[in-house]
Protein backbone atom coordinates (compact mmCIF):
# COMPACT_ATOMS: atom_id res chain seq x y z
CA MET A 1 -86.54 243.22 46.37
CA ASP A 2 -88.61 242.87 43.15
CA LEU A 3 -86.74 245.07 40.68
CA ASP A 4 -88.09 245.15 37.15
CA GLY A 5 -86.10 243.38 34.44
CA ASP A 6 -84.42 246.52 33.14
CA MET A 7 -83.14 247.34 36.61
CA ILE A 8 -81.98 243.84 37.51
CA VAL A 9 -79.98 243.38 34.29
CA ASP A 10 -78.55 245.93 31.90
CA ARG A 11 -80.25 244.72 28.72
CA GLU A 12 -77.59 246.28 26.46
CA ALA A 13 -74.73 244.49 28.26
CA PHE A 14 -76.73 241.24 28.30
CA ASN A 15 -77.46 241.40 24.57
CA ALA A 16 -73.88 242.41 23.73
CA LEU A 17 -72.59 239.33 25.56
CA ARG A 18 -75.24 237.20 23.85
CA ARG A 19 -74.04 238.41 20.44
CA GLN A 20 -70.40 237.88 21.38
CA ILE A 21 -70.91 234.32 22.65
CA GLY A 22 -73.44 233.27 20.01
CA ALA A 23 -74.70 229.70 20.03
CA ASP A 24 -72.99 228.86 23.33
CA PHE A 25 -74.92 231.53 25.24
CA GLY A 26 -77.43 229.06 26.71
CA ARG A 27 -74.61 226.86 27.98
CA ILE A 28 -72.87 229.85 29.55
CA ILE A 29 -76.09 230.84 31.33
CA GLY A 30 -76.26 227.28 32.66
CA TYR A 31 -72.75 227.65 34.07
CA PHE A 32 -73.70 231.01 35.58
CA ARG A 33 -76.65 229.34 37.32
CA GLU A 34 -74.49 226.51 38.67
CA ASP A 35 -71.66 228.80 39.77
CA GLY A 36 -74.08 231.29 41.32
CA ILE A 37 -75.86 228.65 43.39
CA LYS A 38 -72.50 227.38 44.64
CA SER A 39 -71.11 230.87 45.33
CA ILE A 40 -74.16 231.99 47.29
CA ARG A 41 -74.13 228.81 49.37
CA LEU A 42 -70.42 229.31 50.15
CA ILE A 43 -70.98 232.99 51.05
CA GLU A 44 -73.88 232.13 53.35
CA ASP A 45 -71.84 229.33 54.97
CA ALA A 46 -68.87 231.67 55.50
CA MET A 47 -71.18 234.25 57.05
CA ARG A 48 -72.64 231.68 59.46
CA ASN A 49 -69.14 230.48 60.34
CA LEU A 50 -67.76 234.04 60.65
CA ASN A 51 -65.01 233.18 58.19
CA ALA A 52 -63.98 236.31 56.30
CA ALA A 53 -61.39 234.53 54.16
CA ALA A 54 -64.01 232.08 52.92
CA LEU A 55 -66.16 234.98 51.69
CA VAL A 56 -63.60 236.36 49.27
CA ARG A 57 -63.40 233.84 46.42
CA PRO A 58 -67.14 233.09 45.98
CA ALA A 59 -67.99 236.80 46.22
CA HIS A 60 -65.31 237.56 43.64
CA THR A 61 -66.62 234.83 41.31
CA LEU A 62 -70.22 235.97 41.66
CA LYS A 63 -69.21 239.59 41.09
CA GLY A 64 -67.29 238.91 37.92
CA GLU A 65 -69.82 236.60 36.32
CA SER A 66 -72.76 238.85 37.22
CA LEU A 67 -71.17 241.98 35.83
CA GLN A 68 -70.30 240.21 32.57
CA PHE A 69 -74.02 239.52 32.07
CA GLY A 70 -75.00 243.06 33.02
CA ALA A 71 -76.51 241.94 36.34
CA GLU A 72 -75.28 245.05 38.10
CA PRO A 73 -77.30 244.91 41.36
CA LEU A 74 -76.10 241.35 41.98
CA GLY A 75 -72.54 242.12 40.89
CA THR A 76 -72.17 245.27 42.96
CA THR A 77 -73.63 243.56 46.03
CA ALA A 78 -71.12 240.73 45.63
CA GLU A 79 -68.39 243.32 45.11
CA ARG A 80 -69.23 245.06 48.41
CA ILE A 81 -69.07 241.69 50.19
CA GLU A 82 -65.75 240.85 48.55
CA ARG A 83 -64.23 244.24 49.41
CA ALA A 84 -65.40 244.09 53.03
CA ALA A 85 -64.14 240.52 53.37
CA ARG A 86 -60.70 241.40 51.95
CA ASP A 87 -60.43 244.35 54.33
CA ALA A 88 -61.49 242.17 57.26
CA VAL A 89 -58.93 239.50 56.39
CA GLU A 90 -56.18 242.14 56.42
CA MET A 91 -57.42 243.42 59.78
CA HIS A 92 -57.84 239.88 61.22
CA ASP A 93 -61.50 240.65 61.81
CA PHE A 94 -64.91 239.72 60.42
CA PRO A 95 -67.16 242.12 58.47
CA HIS A 96 -70.34 241.76 60.55
CA ASP A 97 -71.78 244.84 58.85
CA ILE A 98 -72.29 242.96 55.56
CA ALA A 99 -75.03 240.69 56.90
CA ASP A 100 -77.68 242.72 55.06
CA GLU A 101 -75.68 242.50 51.83
CA VAL A 102 -75.38 238.73 52.17
CA ALA A 103 -79.12 238.49 52.82
CA LYS A 104 -79.77 240.37 49.54
CA LEU A 105 -77.75 237.97 47.39
CA ARG A 106 -80.17 235.07 47.07
CA PRO A 107 -83.21 237.23 46.14
CA LEU A 108 -81.11 239.23 43.66
CA PHE A 109 -79.81 236.00 42.14
CA GLN A 110 -83.34 234.62 41.80
CA GLU A 111 -84.54 237.81 40.11
CA THR A 112 -81.55 237.73 37.78
CA LEU A 113 -82.31 234.14 36.84
CA ALA A 114 -85.97 235.05 36.26
CA PHE A 115 -84.82 237.72 33.78
CA PHE A 116 -82.50 235.20 32.07
CA ASP A 117 -85.34 232.65 31.87
CA LYS A 118 -87.54 235.21 30.10
CA GLU A 119 -84.78 236.04 27.63
CA VAL A 120 -83.44 232.52 27.08
CA PRO A 121 -85.97 229.77 27.86
CA PRO A 122 -84.74 227.17 30.38
CA ALA A 123 -85.20 224.39 27.78
CA VAL A 124 -82.63 226.13 25.55
CA VAL A 125 -80.23 226.44 28.48
CA ALA A 126 -80.74 222.78 29.45
CA ALA A 127 -80.20 221.55 25.90
CA ALA A 128 -77.06 223.67 25.53
CA SER A 129 -75.71 222.52 28.91
CA VAL A 130 -75.62 218.80 28.14
CA ARG A 131 -72.08 217.77 28.82
CA ARG A 132 -70.44 215.14 26.70
CA ALA A 133 -68.84 212.09 28.26
CA GLY A 134 -65.11 211.90 28.12
CA GLY A 135 -63.99 214.80 30.22
CA PHE A 136 -61.41 217.47 29.61
CA GLY A 137 -58.71 216.56 27.14
CA ARG A 138 -60.27 213.28 26.07
CA LYS A 139 -61.24 212.60 22.51
CA ILE A 140 -64.95 211.96 22.09
CA GLY A 141 -66.19 209.43 19.54
């Protein structure tokens, strides 16, 4: 695929989100990475298993998160998969014609992450992504 950075991510949208989120931006990129890896794996598994319903949620998640970061090629590819999967579920069918779109996801995701890594070094993301013990709703310290 090999799109240049300005084509893989809308720099203005990316920087606007960075300004909006501020110091937590690295942590949010870490979540995007984790969620993206999971979503792509689920989409690929659903494709192998010919399960249209199982395509919908991970494609929707990947679409939304990608578009928030300005990763339009990734987001619109995920959107096409989601739309085709929803239509197929309604028709009790499977969207075989999206195989090429599914095959594009992983390379697009890798290129998107490469752009992110240039803009926000992985060490910053890792440091920001350290999760505190205690879990949701528990007082720490």
